[in-house]
């Protein structure tokens, strides 16, 4: 073997697409490395047991409790409560209340005006009815007087004729 042949062998080893035999893994090693990368198996738990110990959280109140009297409170960011209304919505609600109040006042005034007008109409109708009744009575009295006059005139003429 020449130096050239030795370099060809080395070149053949270096240019080979497969790694050298020492770096190749046996099939048993491959399965070992595959199991090492897998996640550990989870053991089944009983139905009533919790997954992990849970700690209950307490909701922060609006007021921060102080450990000592002179300690300054930490800033608390409080989520808006569902009952709280934004200023714009509060303005709208206020305006709606004012409008409904004004509308109620207007309806009330109209009702008072209507009842006043109805009372005036009713009073006028009662006056008219009283005047009509008075005129009827007067007409009846005139009719009775005219009848009595004619009766007395007839009686007077008959007595004069009969004598």
C-alpha atoms as a PDB file:
ATOM      1  CA  UNK A   1       0.000   0.000   0.000  1.00  0.00           C
ATOM      2  CA  UNK A   2       1.146   3.371  -0.859  1.00  0.00           C
ATOM      3  CA  UNK A   3       0.520   6.644   0.819  1.00  0.00           C
ATOM      4  CA  UNK A   4      -1.938   7.383  -1.887  1.00  0.00           C
ATOM      5  CA  UNK A   5      -3.948   4.205  -1.100  1.00  0.00           C
ATOM      6  CA  UNK A   6      -4.036   5.023   2.550  1.00  0.00           C
ATOM      7  CA  UNK A   7      -5.329   8.451   1.779  1.00  0.00           C
ATOM      8  CA  UNK A   8      -7.962   6.903  -0.494  1.00  0.00           C
ATOM      9  CA  UNK A   9      -9.132   4.644   2.308  1.00  0.00           C
ATOM     10  CA  UNK A  10      -9.324   7.569   4.633  1.00  0.00           C
ATOM     11  CA  UNK A  11     -11.071   9.558   1.974  1.00  0.00           C
ATOM     12  CA  UNK A  12     -13.538   6.710   1.449  1.00  0.00           C
ATOM     13  CA  UNK A  13     -14.316   6.620   5.134  1.00  0.00           C
ATOM     14  CA  UNK A  14     -14.710  10.353   5.325  1.00  0.00           C
ATOM     15  CA  UNK A  15     -16.901  10.596   2.248  1.00  0.00           C
ATOM     16  CA  UNK A  16     -19.151   7.700   3.285  1.00  0.00           C
ATOM     17  CA  UNK A  17     -22.759   8.800   3.856  1.00  0.00           C
ATOM     18  CA  UNK A  18     -22.982   6.677   7.034  1.00  0.00           C
ATOM     19  CA  UNK A  19     -21.195   7.628  10.229  1.00  0.00           C
ATOM     20  CA  UNK A  20     -18.324   5.448  11.452  1.00  0.00           C
ATOM     21  CA  UNK A  21     -19.258   2.191  13.169  1.00  0.00           C
ATOM     22  CA  UNK A  22     -18.367   3.457  16.594  1.00  0.00           C
ATOM     23  CA  UNK A  23     -20.943   6.277  16.350  1.00  0.00           C
ATOM     24  CA  UNK A  24     -23.735   4.075  15.033  1.00  0.00           C
ATOM     25  CA  UNK A  25     -26.344   3.013  17.566  1.00  0.00           C
ATOM     26  CA  UNK A  26     -27.563  -0.503  18.032  1.00  0.00           C
ATOM     27  CA  UNK A  27     -31.362  -1.073  17.750  1.00  0.00           C
ATOM     28  CA  UNK A  28     -31.592  -1.645  21.524  1.00  0.00           C
ATOM     29  CA  UNK A  29     -29.899   1.707  22.149  1.00  0.00           C
ATOM     30  CA  UNK A  30     -32.354   3.406  19.806  1.00  0.00           C
ATOM     31  CA  UNK A  31     -35.328   2.070  21.771  1.00  0.00           C
ATOM     32  CA  UNK A  32     -33.695   3.152  25.004  1.00  0.00           C
ATOM     33  CA  UNK A  33     -33.215   6.691  23.810  1.00  0.00           C
ATOM     34  CA  UNK A  34     -36.810   6.781  22.549  1.00  0.00           C
ATOM     35  CA  UNK A  35     -38.171   5.792  25.959  1.00  0.00           C
ATOM     36  CA  UNK A  36     -36.004   8.377  27.628  1.00  0.00           C
ATOM     37  CA  UNK A  37     -37.569  11.178  25.581  1.00  0.00           C
ATOM     38  CA  UNK A  38     -41.127  10.042  26.271  1.00  0.00           C
ATOM     39  CA  UNK A  39     -43.163  11.635  29.013  1.00  0.00           C
ATOM     40  CA  UNK A  40     -43.523   9.593  32.181  1.00  0.00           C
ATOM     41  CA  UNK A  41     -46.654   7.452  32.379  1.00  0.00           C
ATOM     42  CA  UNK A  42     -49.444   8.877  34.526  1.00  0.00           C
ATOM     43  CA  UNK A  43     -50.851   6.502  37.057  1.00  0.00           C
ATOM     44  CA  UNK A  44     -54.645   6.471  37.206  1.00  0.00           C
ATOM     45  CA  UNK A  45     -56.074   8.055  40.327  1.00  0.00           C
ATOM     46  CA  UNK A  46     -59.185   7.261  42.313  1.00  0.00           C
ATOM     47  CA  UNK A  47     -62.376   9.057  41.300  1.00  0.00           C
ATOM     48  CA  UNK A  48     -62.816  11.171  44.436  1.00  0.00           C
ATOM     49  CA  UNK A  49     -59.242  12.359  44.855  1.00  0.00           C
ATOM     50  CA  UNK A  50     -58.252  15.799  43.557  1.00  0.00           C
ATOM     51  CA  UNK A  51     -55.591  16.192  40.887  1.00  0.00           C
ATOM     52  CA  UNK A  52     -53.354  18.330  43.020  1.00  0.00           C
ATOM     53  CA  UNK A  53     -53.831  20.103  46.324  1.00  0.00           C
ATOM     54  CA  UNK A  54     -55.803  23.278  45.658  1.00  0.00           C
ATOM     55  CA  UNK A  55     -55.621  26.438  47.700  1.00  0.00           C
ATOM     56  CA  UNK A  56     -58.620  28.706  47.833  1.00  0.00           C
ATOM     57  CA  UNK A  57     -57.930  32.297  46.939  1.00  0.00           C
ATOM     58  CA  UNK A  58     -59.539  35.110  48.818  1.00  0.00           C
ATOM     59  CA  UNK A  59     -60.908  38.010  46.841  1.00  0.00           C
ATOM     60  CA  UNK A  60     -59.363  41.307  47.839  1.00  0.00           C
ATOM     61  CA  UNK A  61     -61.809  43.652  49.438  1.00  0.00           C
ATOM     62  CA  UNK A  62     -62.125  47.278  48.449  1.00  0.00           C
ATOM     63  CA  UNK A  63     -60.296  48.283  51.606  1.00  0.00           C
ATOM     64  CA  UNK A  64     -56.756  47.023  52.163  1.00  0.00           C
ATOM     65  CA  UNK A  65     -56.209  45.532  55.598  1.00  0.00           C
ATOM     66  CA  UNK A  66     -53.230  47.061  57.367  1.00  0.00           C
ATOM     67  CA  UNK A  67     -50.853  45.024  59.502  1.00  0.00           C
ATOM     68  CA  UNK A  68     -49.794  48.023  61.519  1.00  0.00           C
ATOM     69  CA  UNK A  69     -51.449  51.339  62.075  1.00  0.00           C
ATOM     70  CA  UNK A  70     -48.806  53.463  60.338  1.00  0.00           C
ATOM     71  CA  UNK A  71     -48.278  51.203  57.325  1.00  0.00           C
ATOM     72  CA  UNK A  72     -49.323  52.692  54.012  1.00  0.00           C
ATOM     73  CA  UNK A  73     -51.691  50.532  51.975  1.00  0.00           C
ATOM     74  CA  UNK A  74     -50.620  48.937  48.727  1.00  0.00           C
ATOM     75  CA  UNK A  75     -52.483  50.154  45.671  1.00  0.00           C
ATOM     76  CA  UNK A  76     -55.324  47.787  44.900  1.00  0.00           C
ATOM     77  CA  UNK A  77     -56.629  47.569  41.382  1.00  0.00           C
ATOM     78  CA  UNK A  78     -60.228  46.603  41.672  1.00  0.00           C
ATOM     79  CA  UNK A  79     -62.174  45.230  38.754  1.00  0.00           C
ATOM     80  CA  UNK A  80     -65.339  47.227  38.048  1.00  0.00           C
ATOM     81  CA  UNK A  81     -68.294  45.659  39.764  1.00  0.00           C
ATOM     82  CA  UNK A  82     -71.177  44.608  37.498  1.00  0.00           C
ATOM     83  CA  UNK A  83     -73.595  46.926  39.281  1.00  0.00           C
ATOM     84  CA  UNK A  84     -71.446  50.005  38.729  1.00  0.00           C
ATOM     85  CA  UNK A  85     -72.420  52.196  35.789  1.00  0.00           C
ATOM     86  CA  UNK A  86     -70.027  54.262  33.709  1.00  0.00           C
ATOM     87  CA  UNK A  87     -70.376  58.071  33.926  1.00  0.00           C
ATOM     88  CA  UNK A  88     -71.732  58.304  30.378  1.00  0.00           C
ATOM     89  CA  UNK A  89     -74.400  55.711  31.098  1.00  0.00           C
ATOM     90  CA  UNK A  90     -75.190  57.437  34.398  1.00  0.00           C
ATOM     91  CA  UNK A  91     -75.681  60.720  32.514  1.00  0.00           C
ATOM     92  CA  UNK A  92     -77.983  59.002  30.036  1.00  0.00           C
ATOM     93  CA  UNK A  93     -79.953  57.397  32.872  1.00  0.00           C
ATOM     94  CA  UNK A  94     -80.214  60.764  34.618  1.00  0.00           C
ATOM     95  CA  UNK A  95     -81.451  62.445  31.443  1.00  0.00           C
ATOM     96  CA  UNK A  96     -83.955  59.636  30.904  1.00  0.00           C
ATOM     97  CA  UNK A  97     -85.216  60.119  34.460  1.00  0.00           C
ATOM     98  CA  UNK A  98     -85.542  63.862  33.872  1.00  0.00           C
ATOM     99  CA  UNK A  99     -87.395  63.296  30.598  1.00  0.00           C
ATOM    100  CA  UNK A 100     -89.784  60.802  32.182  1.00  0.00           C
ATOM    101  CA  UNK A 101     -90.334  63.180  35.122  1.00  0.00           C
ATOM    102  CA  UNK A 102     -91.030  66.094  32.744  1.00  0.00           C
ATOM    103  CA  UNK A 103     -93.338  63.881  30.694  1.00  0.00           C
ATOM    104  CA  UNK A 104     -95.173  62.798  33.846  1.00  0.00           C
ATOM    105  CA  UNK A 105     -95.514  66.453  34.898  1.00  0.00           C
ATOM    106  CA  UNK A 106     -96.836  67.365  31.455  1.00  0.00           C
ATOM    107  CA  UNK A 107     -99.348  64.515  31.511  1.00  0.00           C
ATOM    108  CA  UNK A 108    -100.385  65.516  35.020  1.00  0.00           C
ATOM    109  CA  UNK A 109    -100.851  69.164  33.971  1.00  0.00           C
ATOM    110  CA  UNK A 110    -102.860  68.059  30.945  1.00  0.00           C
ATOM    111  CA  UNK A 111    -104.996  65.853  33.178  1.00  0.00           C
ATOM    112  CA  UNK A 112    -105.553  68.753  35.592  1.00  0.00           C
ATOM    113  CA  UNK A 113    -106.357  71.060  32.668  1.00  0.00           C
ATOM    114  CA  UNK A 114    -108.681  68.442  31.218  1.00  0.00           C
ATOM    115  CA  UNK A 115    -110.456  67.957  34.535  1.00  0.00           C
ATOM    116  CA  UNK A 116    -110.678  71.757  34.917  1.00  0.00           C
ATOM    117  CA  UNK A 117    -112.151  72.019  31.413  1.00  0.00           C
ATOM    118  CA  UNK A 118    -114.481  69.122  32.139  1.00  0.00           C
ATOM    119  CA  UNK A 119    -115.578  70.790  35.377  1.00  0.00           C
ATOM    120  CA  UNK A 120    -116.212  74.043  33.511  1.00  0.00           C
ATOM    121  CA  UNK A 121    -118.185  72.212  30.831  1.00  0.00           C
ATOM    122  CA  UNK A 122    -120.129  70.343  33.499  1.00  0.00           C
ATOM    123  CA  UNK A 123    -120.838  73.562  35.431  1.00  0.00           C
ATOM    124  CA  UNK A 124    -121.981  75.282  32.226  1.00  0.00           C
ATOM    125  CA  UNK A 125    -124.213  72.310  31.414  1.00  0.00           C
ATOM    126  CA  UNK A 126    -125.718  72.466  34.901  1.00  0.00           C
ATOM    127  CA  UNK A 127    -126.326  76.224  34.495  1.00  0.00           C
ATOM    128  CA  UNK A 128    -127.911  75.652  31.086  1.00  0.00           C
ATOM    129  CA  UNK A 129    -130.049  72.855  32.525  1.00  0.00           C
ATOM    130  CA  UNK A 130    -131.142  75.084  35.411  1.00  0.00           C
ATOM    131  CA  UNK A 131    -131.991  77.911  32.988  1.00  0.00           C
ATOM    132  CA  UNK A 132    -133.948  75.504  30.777  1.00  0.00           C
ATOM    133  CA  UNK A 133    -135.810  74.163  33.798  1.00  0.00           C
ATOM    134  CA  UNK A 134    -136.576  77.725  34.912  1.00  0.00           C
ATOM    135  CA  UNK A 135    -137.796  78.626  31.404  1.00  0.00           C
ATOM    136  CA  UNK A 136    -139.943  75.460  31.333  1.00  0.00           C
ATOM    137  CA  UNK A 137    -141.505  76.293  34.695  1.00  0.00           C
ATOM    138  CA  UNK A 138    -142.137  79.863  33.555  1.00  0.00           C
ATOM    139  CA  UNK A 139    -143.738  78.566  30.339  1.00  0.00           C
ATOM    140  CA  UNK A 140    -145.885  76.161  32.358  1.00  0.00           C
ATOM    141  CA  UNK A 141    -146.920  78.983  34.669  1.00  0.00           C
ATOM    142  CA  UNK A 142    -147.797  81.227  31.668  1.00  0.00           C
ATOM    143  CA  UNK A 143    -149.745  78.338  30.128  1.00  0.00           C
ATOM    144  CA  UNK A 144    -151.634  77.742  33.371  1.00  0.00           C
ATOM    145  CA  UNK A 145    -152.306  81.477  33.749  1.00  0.00           C
ATOM    146  CA  UNK A 146    -153.518  81.727  30.143  1.00  0.00           C
ATOM    147  CA  UNK A 147    -155.740  78.682  30.644  1.00  0.00           C
ATOM    148  CA  UNK A 148    -157.150  80.103  33.880  1.00  0.00           C
ATOM    149  CA  UNK A 149    -157.774  83.466  32.171  1.00  0.00           C
ATOM    150  CA  UNK A 150    -159.586  81.816  29.291  1.00  0.00           C
ATOM    151  CA  UNK A 151    -161.545  79.687  31.780  1.00  0.00           C
ATOM    152  CA  UNK A 152    -162.601  82.722  33.799  1.00  0.00           C
ATOM    153  CA  UNK A 153    -163.426  84.663  30.648  1.00  0.00           C
ATOM    154  CA  UNK A 154    -165.553  81.795  29.414  1.00  0.00           C
ATOM    155  CA  UNK A 155    -167.278  81.598  32.788  1.00  0.00           C
ATOM    156  CA  UNK A 156    -167.863  85.335  32.790  1.00  0.00           C
ATOM    157  CA  UNK A 157    -169.297  85.281  29.285  1.00  0.00           C
ATOM    158  CA  UNK A 158    -171.545  82.358  30.068  1.00  0.00           C
ATOM    159  CA  UNK A 159    -172.911  83.962  33.186  1.00  0.00           C
ATOM    160  CA  UNK A 160    -173.582  87.167  31.340  1.00  0.00           C
ATOM    161  CA  UNK A 161    -175.291  85.294  28.553  1.00  0.00           C
ATOM    162  CA  UNK A 162    -177.265  83.173  30.917  1.00  0.00           C
ATOM    163  CA  UNK A 163    -178.827  86.084  32.785  1.00  0.00           C
END
